[in-house]
Structures are given as C-alpha cells and as structure tokens.
Amino acid sequence: MKLSEIRQILSERDLQLTRSLGQNFLHDARQLPRIVALAGVRPGDRVLEIGPGLGPLTAALQAAGADVLAVEKDARLVAVLAERLNLTPEPGLPADLDAPAQPGRLRLVRADALRLLQREPGRDWSGWKLVANLPYSVASPILVELALAERPPARLVVTLQREVVSRLQAGPGDPAYGLLTLLVRQRYQPAGSLRIPSDCFFPVPAVESGCLALDRCAPEPLTAPERRVFARVVKRAFSERRKKALKLLKHDWPAAVLEAAWRELDLNPGARAETLGREVFFELTRRLARLPAP
C-alpha cells in the first residue's frame, strides 16, 4: 500500500488517526517481504496479526499463504478493512479457531487484543505465530501477556519502538535490561531483527522502529507453577532499582532461604537486580517455588 493510497483513504473517510492508540501505518512496500521472511511464514501457517490498520501487512501474510486472524480495536479501521477485503468482521474469536488451517484464509475480529488475550489465558496459541506492527501504546503489555500465557505462540515477530527492541535483546548490566526483558525472555529468545526507518510509517513517528523475532524456548526452562513464582520474583527484584535485590526479595520470602541461595549461587549480597542474569533468576525461582505457598 502506497503512502498516497493511505492518505486518500483517510481523506475520503475523514479519518483522524488516534495518537493514544499508537496508530502509525507501515507504508513502505520494501519492508513487508522482509518482515514476512523474518517470520518464516509458509503456506498453511496460522498467523495472529494484532493492529492490522489498513491491511498492508495483512495482505502480504495472506499472499504468503498464511491463515491469518487479524484483530483490530478501532471500529473505523475495521469498517475500512471489511470493505476493502470483502470481509464480515467477527465480534470475538471464531468458534472454529482450532480447526485445521486453511492457506490464504483471512478473518477479521473487532476487539481489544489485550483484553481478548486476558480473557482467555488458557487459549492454545502454541501452533501460531504472532506477526504484527504492534500499536506502540500497548506493545509491551501484549508481549508480557503472551509470554505469561499457558500456551503461547511458537514465534513472535513484532514491529516495535527501537527502544523496546533494545530492552528485549538486553543482557545483565545493560541499561536497557529490566523487568520487560525477563518477563518476555522467560519463554522466548531473540532470533533476529530488522531496522525500519521512521519515514516508512505514516504519520512519521518521533522514535526509531525495529522488527524483532522471538522464538519460544524448547524445552521451556520453568514449569507453569514456577513461571508464576518467577513473575513475582522479578517484579519484586526490579521494584526499586537502586536497592539490593536480596533485601527486596526478603519482603516476600524467608531471609534464611534467600541467603542460602545467595551463598550457593555465589552471588554478591549487594547485587542489584539489573546485574543478575536470567539463569540466576531461574535458579532462585526453582528454590522459592519449593516453599509452601504464602
């Protein structure tokens, strides 16, 4: 979809884009095949797209043979998509979502994607890929929701603010390393990225963007009960970045257990959360998960 087409559609329908929804449409056709290739989309792949906007990436995914489920919150854009693509929007997830995939099929759902995911945390997305130009306003919560889901997608390929891409790729000691890094990376590992210049979007955002691929870890490092403890551990450890992680964790777990773990893992008692790697948090979680529930 060319920039002139986007301008024409918006003008004809008198559509004013909503900043609060993070609406920045990717119009550079050169970027679409790069994103599809990064996602490794093949005929018959099930693809969840969140925030299709006016549908340029949607069309590229469909052309690659994917079975696409596009979820759009903005009713105005749903109406445009339904007309342009000759679709009947659905108010929620299709009843036959788990039926065999149909290459080249496209279905459109009018819904708030974050709330949709929150309503169905047990939904099986394990056979799906998320490929999306995520609205910047809700990108991080959506990624965390999927990472904490019972059965999340096999691959996430998402266009994000470059700052968020850096946070998801960061390691201990990096200023970008933090809570978001660990909540997503408990289940996923970075598997490639692309830089996308800001002038590839309309309106041009004030930030740089990138597209990041994340693959689900196999085997997964934590069990479902351990994942719940892990989320509590990292949230508490990063609740006050200037304070020692050991001191913060003592708010929720026995000091003797934590001090023993610190000794066994040969950790500095004065260490802050941003200096502790993912594997350290995994080991702490496994020890704490064996304790009786508080």
Protein backbone atom coordinates (compact mmCIF):
# COMPACT_ATOMS: atom_id res chain seq x y z
CA MET A 1 0.00 0.00 0.00
CA LYS A 2 1.50 3.30 -1.09
CA LEU A 3 1.54 6.40 1.07
CA SER A 4 -0.72 8.13 -1.45
CA GLU A 5 -3.32 5.36 -1.00
CA ILE A 6 -3.22 5.71 2.78
CA ARG A 7 -3.68 9.47 2.52
CA GLN A 8 -6.54 9.01 0.07
CA ILE A 9 -8.41 6.50 2.25
CA LEU A 10 -8.02 8.65 5.35
CA SER A 11 -9.11 11.77 3.48
CA GLU A 12 -12.13 10.19 1.78
CA ARG A 13 -13.42 8.86 5.09
CA ASP A 14 -12.35 11.87 7.13
CA LEU A 15 -10.40 9.63 9.49
CA GLN A 16 -8.19 11.29 12.06
CA LEU A 17 -5.59 8.89 13.47
CA THR A 18 -5.62 8.45 17.23
CA ARG A 19 -2.30 9.07 18.97
CA SER A 20 -3.45 7.20 22.11
CA LEU A 21 -3.83 4.01 20.03
CA GLY A 22 -0.31 4.32 18.65
CA GLN A 23 -1.53 4.36 15.05
CA ASN A 24 1.45 4.58 12.71
CA PHE A 25 0.88 2.73 9.44
CA LEU A 26 3.76 0.98 7.69
CA HIS A 27 3.55 2.01 4.03
CA ASP A 28 6.98 1.13 2.61
CA ALA A 29 6.36 -1.94 0.46
CA ARG A 30 10.04 -2.89 0.64
CA GLN A 31 9.71 -3.66 4.35
CA LEU A 32 6.78 -6.07 4.09
CA PRO A 33 8.61 -9.02 2.46
CA ARG A 34 11.47 -8.53 4.95
CA ILE A 35 9.04 -8.92 7.85
CA VAL A 36 7.33 -11.94 6.27
CA ALA A 37 10.74 -13.53 5.67
CA LEU A 38 11.87 -12.85 9.25
CA ALA A 39 8.70 -14.57 10.43
CA GLY A 40 9.41 -17.56 8.20
CA VAL A 41 5.79 -17.62 7.05
CA ARG A 42 4.90 -20.67 4.95
CA PRO A 43 1.63 -21.73 3.29
CA GLY A 44 -0.71 -23.01 5.96
CA ASP A 45 0.96 -21.22 8.89
CA ARG A 46 -1.51 -19.84 11.40
CA VAL A 47 -0.76 -16.18 11.96
CA LEU A 48 -2.22 -13.82 14.53
CA GLU A 49 -1.93 -10.19 13.50
CA ILE A 50 -2.72 -7.50 16.06
CA GLY A 51 -3.42 -3.99 14.82
CA PRO A 52 -3.64 -4.53 11.05
CA GLY A 53 -4.55 -0.87 10.44
CA LEU A 54 -5.33 -0.54 6.75
CA GLY A 55 -4.03 -4.02 5.96
CA PRO A 56 -0.71 -3.85 4.03
CA LEU A 57 1.00 -6.47 6.21
CA THR A 58 -2.24 -8.46 6.30
CA ALA A 59 -2.23 -8.71 2.51
CA ALA A 60 1.45 -9.74 2.48
CA LEU A 61 0.81 -12.51 5.02
CA GLN A 62 -2.20 -13.76 3.08
CA ALA A 63 -0.20 -13.72 -0.16
CA ALA A 64 2.45 -15.87 1.55
CA GLY A 65 -0.24 -18.50 2.16
CA ALA A 66 -0.84 -17.88 5.86
CA ASP A 67 -4.17 -18.49 7.57
CA VAL A 68 -4.50 -15.01 9.09
CA LEU A 69 -6.54 -13.91 12.08
CA ALA A 70 -6.41 -10.08 12.21
CA VAL A 71 -7.56 -8.36 15.41
CA GLU A 72 -8.32 -4.63 15.20
CA LYS A 73 -9.65 -2.42 18.01
CA ASP A 74 -10.56 0.72 16.04
CA ALA A 75 -14.09 0.32 14.65
CA ARG A 76 -13.36 2.86 11.91
CA LEU A 77 -10.46 0.80 10.58
CA VAL A 78 -12.44 -2.42 10.90
CA ALA A 79 -15.05 -0.89 8.58
CA VAL A 80 -12.37 0.09 6.05
CA LEU A 81 -10.74 -3.34 6.15
CA ALA A 82 -14.06 -5.16 5.86
CA GLU A 83 -14.93 -3.14 2.76
CA ARG A 84 -11.51 -3.32 1.12
CA LEU A 85 -11.04 -7.04 1.76
CA ASN A 86 -14.69 -8.09 1.40
CA LEU A 87 -14.89 -9.49 4.92
CA THR A 88 -17.53 -9.75 7.62
CA PRO A 89 -15.95 -8.76 10.94
CA GLU A 90 -16.43 -11.10 13.88
CA PRO A 91 -17.05 -9.79 17.42
CA GLY A 92 -14.73 -12.30 19.06
CA LEU A 93 -12.51 -15.28 18.42
CA PRO A 94 -14.05 -17.67 15.85
CA ALA A 95 -15.58 -20.83 17.30
CA ASP A 96 -13.55 -22.98 14.90
CA LEU A 97 -10.20 -21.39 15.80
CA ASP A 98 -8.66 -24.79 16.50
CA ALA A 99 -9.85 -26.37 13.24
CA PRO A 100 -7.25 -27.22 10.55
CA ALA A 101 -5.61 -24.20 8.93
CA GLN A 102 -6.71 -23.01 5.51
CA PRO A 103 -3.87 -21.48 3.45
CA GLY A 104 -4.67 -17.94 2.30
CA ARG A 105 -7.72 -17.53 4.54
CA LEU A 106 -8.27 -14.17 6.24
CA ARG A 107 -10.56 -13.49 9.18
CA LEU A 108 -11.11 -10.14 10.87
CA VAL A 109 -12.03 -9.67 14.53
CA ARG A 110 -13.12 -6.37 16.03
CA ALA A 111 -11.74 -6.47 19.56
CA ASP A 112 -9.25 -5.01 22.01
CA ALA A 113 -6.46 -7.56 21.57
CA LEU A 114 -5.02 -7.13 25.05
CA ARG A 115 -8.37 -7.70 26.72
CA LEU A 116 -9.08 -10.60 24.38
CA LEU A 117 -5.84 -12.30 25.47
CA GLN A 118 -6.52 -11.55 29.13
CA ARG A 119 -10.00 -13.09 28.92
CA GLU A 120 -8.63 -16.37 27.58
CA PRO A 121 -5.26 -17.05 29.25
CA GLY A 122 -5.67 -20.78 28.61
CA ARG A 123 -6.18 -20.40 24.87
CA ASP A 124 -3.83 -22.64 22.90
CA TRP A 125 -1.71 -20.39 20.64
CA SER A 126 1.19 -22.87 20.51
CA GLY A 127 0.64 -23.65 16.82
CA TRP A 128 0.51 -19.97 15.86
CA LYS A 129 2.88 -17.15 15.01
CA LEU A 130 2.27 -13.57 16.02
CA VAL A 131 3.29 -11.26 13.17
CA ALA A 132 2.29 -7.66 13.80
CA ASN A 133 3.11 -3.99 13.66
CA LEU A 134 2.02 -3.65 17.28
CA PRO A 135 0.43 -0.39 18.41
CA TYR A 136 3.22 1.22 20.41
CA SER A 137 0.84 2.15 23.24
CA VAL A 138 0.13 -1.49 24.16
CA ALA A 139 3.06 -3.40 22.67
CA SER A 140 4.79 -4.26 25.96
CA PRO A 141 1.63 -5.41 27.81
CA ILE A 142 0.66 -7.62 24.86
CA LEU A 143 4.10 -9.26 24.75
CA VAL A 144 4.05 -9.89 28.50
CA GLU A 145 0.52 -11.29 28.33
CA LEU A 146 1.58 -13.76 25.64
CA ALA A 147 4.78 -14.70 27.48
CA LEU A 148 2.76 -15.49 30.61
CA ALA A 149 0.04 -17.37 28.73
CA GLU A 150 -0.42 -21.08 29.31
CA ARG A 151 0.38 -22.00 25.67
CA PRO A 152 1.89 -19.03 23.82
CA PRO A 153 2.77 -18.72 20.12
CA ALA A 154 5.81 -20.52 18.74
CA ARG A 155 7.24 -17.31 17.28
CA LEU A 156 6.66 -13.60 17.82
CA VAL A 157 7.67 -11.21 15.04
CA VAL A 158 6.79 -7.71 16.08
CA THR A 159 7.50 -4.18 14.91
CA LEU A 160 8.21 -2.02 17.94
CA GLN A 161 9.89 1.14 19.08
CA ARG A 162 13.63 0.64 18.76
CA GLU A 163 13.94 1.29 22.49
CA VAL A 164 11.67 -1.68 23.25
CA VAL A 165 13.60 -3.90 20.81
CA SER A 166 16.78 -3.00 22.71
CA ARG A 167 15.16 -3.86 26.04
CA LEU A 168 14.11 -7.28 24.75
CA GLN A 169 17.62 -8.02 23.47
CA ALA A 170 19.49 -6.66 26.51
CA GLY A 171 21.62 -8.61 28.95
CA PRO A 172 22.67 -8.04 32.59
CA GLY A 173 24.47 -4.76 33.13
CA ASP A 174 22.93 -3.16 30.06
CA PRO A 175 20.89 -0.05 30.98
CA ALA A 176 18.03 -1.43 28.84
CA TYR A 177 17.90 -4.69 30.82
CA GLY A 178 14.95 -4.89 33.16
CA LEU A 179 11.56 -6.28 34.05
CA LEU A 180 10.23 -6.40 30.48
CA THR A 181 13.37 -8.24 29.34
CA LEU A 182 12.89 -11.01 31.86
CA LEU A 183 9.10 -11.37 31.70
CA VAL A 184 9.31 -11.98 27.94
CA ARG A 185 12.65 -13.82 27.89
CA GLN A 186 11.48 -16.38 30.46
CA ARG A 187 9.79 -18.08 27.47
CA TYR A 188 11.47 -16.56 24.39
CA GLN A 189 14.88 -16.00 22.87
CA PRO A 190 15.76 -13.31 20.26
CA ALA A 191 16.05 -14.82 16.77
CA GLY A 192 16.90 -11.87 14.54
CA SER A 193 15.86 -8.29 13.97
CA LEU A 194 15.47 -5.59 11.33
CA ARG A 195 15.81 -1.83 11.44
CA ILE A 196 12.88 0.05 9.94
CA PRO A 197 13.41 3.78 9.26
CA SER A 198 10.82 6.12 10.75
CA ASP A 199 9.91 7.53 7.32
CA CYS A 200 8.49 4.10 6.39
CA PHE A 201 5.49 4.94 8.57
CA PHE A 202 2.60 7.38 8.35
CA PRO A 203 2.41 9.51 10.33
CA VAL A 204 6.17 9.54 10.83
CA PRO A 205 6.76 8.57 14.49
CA ALA A 206 9.08 10.57 16.71
CA VAL A 207 11.00 7.38 17.55
CA GLU A 208 13.01 4.84 15.58
CA SER A 209 11.50 1.40 14.99
CA GLY A 210 12.65 -2.14 14.52
CA CYS A 211 11.21 -5.57 13.87
CA LEU A 212 12.24 -8.32 16.29
CA ALA A 213 11.77 -12.10 16.05
CA LEU A 214 11.45 -14.09 19.27
CA ASP A 215 11.31 -17.90 19.33
CA ARG A 216 9.76 -19.86 22.17
CA CYS A 217 12.35 -21.79 24.19
CA ALA A 218 12.35 -25.54 23.78
CA PRO A 219 12.40 -27.13 26.23
CA GLU A 220 10.93 -24.44 28.45
CA PRO A 221 13.15 -23.65 31.44
CA LEU A 222 10.33 -23.37 34.00
CA THR A 223 7.13 -25.26 34.80
CA ALA A 224 3.79 -23.44 34.92
CA PRO A 225 3.85 -23.08 38.75
CA GLU A 226 7.45 -21.90 38.58
CA ARG A 227 6.56 -19.28 35.97
CA ARG A 228 4.08 -17.73 38.38
CA VAL A 229 6.77 -17.53 41.06
CA PHE A 230 9.28 -16.17 38.52
CA ALA A 231 6.95 -13.27 37.69
CA ARG A 232 6.67 -12.41 41.39
CA VAL A 233 10.43 -12.67 41.90
CA VAL A 234 11.45 -10.36 39.05
CA LYS A 235 8.70 -7.84 39.75
CA ARG A 236 9.83 -7.56 43.36
CA ALA A 237 13.54 -7.52 42.47
CA PHE A 238 13.06 -4.65 40.00
CA SER A 239 10.51 -2.76 42.12
CA GLU A 240 13.24 -0.38 43.35
CA ARG A 241 16.23 -0.48 41.02
CA ARG A 242 18.55 1.35 43.40
CA LYS A 243 18.08 -1.21 46.17
CA LYS A 244 19.76 -4.58 46.65
CA ALA A 245 17.83 -7.47 45.15
CA LEU A 246 18.36 -9.65 48.23
CA LYS A 247 16.88 -7.01 50.52
CA LEU A 248 13.86 -6.51 48.28
CA LEU A 249 13.12 -10.24 47.96
CA LYS A 250 13.11 -10.60 51.75
CA HIS A 251 9.79 -8.72 51.73
CA ASP A 252 8.14 -11.83 50.27
CA TRP A 253 10.34 -14.83 51.11
CA PRO A 254 12.22 -16.12 54.18
CA ALA A 255 15.58 -14.45 54.70
CA ALA A 256 17.28 -17.76 55.58
CA VAL A 257 16.20 -19.38 52.30
CA LEU A 258 17.31 -16.38 50.24
CA GLU A 259 20.67 -16.03 52.00
CA ALA A 260 21.36 -19.74 51.47
CA ALA A 261 20.53 -19.40 47.78
CA TRP A 262 22.82 -16.37 47.50
CA ARG A 263 25.68 -18.40 49.00
CA GLU A 264 25.05 -21.48 46.84
CA LEU A 265 24.90 -19.38 43.68
CA ASP A 266 27.93 -17.35 44.76
CA LEU A 267 26.09 -14.04 44.39
CA ASN A 268 27.22 -10.70 45.72
CA PRO A 269 24.91 -9.78 48.66
CA GLY A 270 24.97 -6.20 47.40
CA ALA A 271 23.92 -7.07 43.84
CA ARG A 272 21.08 -5.16 42.26
CA ALA A 273 18.55 -6.87 40.02
CA GLU A 274 19.97 -5.42 36.78
CA THR A 275 23.27 -7.27 37.37
CA LEU A 276 21.64 -10.71 37.74
CA GLY A 277 21.22 -12.83 34.62
CA ARG A 278 18.19 -14.78 33.50
CA GLU A 279 19.67 -18.11 34.66
CA VAL A 280 20.21 -16.69 38.16
CA PHE A 281 16.55 -15.70 38.37
CA PHE A 282 15.59 -19.18 37.12
CA GLU A 283 17.63 -20.83 39.89
CA LEU A 284 16.19 -18.51 42.55
CA THR A 285 12.70 -19.26 41.26
CA ARG A 286 13.19 -23.04 41.44
CA ARG A 287 14.28 -22.79 45.07
CA LEU A 288 11.47 -20.45 46.09
CA ALA A 289 8.83 -22.44 44.21
CA ARG A 290 9.53 -25.42 46.51
CA LEU A 291 8.41 -23.42 49.55
CA PRO A 292 4.80 -23.64 50.84
CA ALA A 293 2.57 -21.07 49.20
CA PRO A 294 2.34 -17.87 51.28
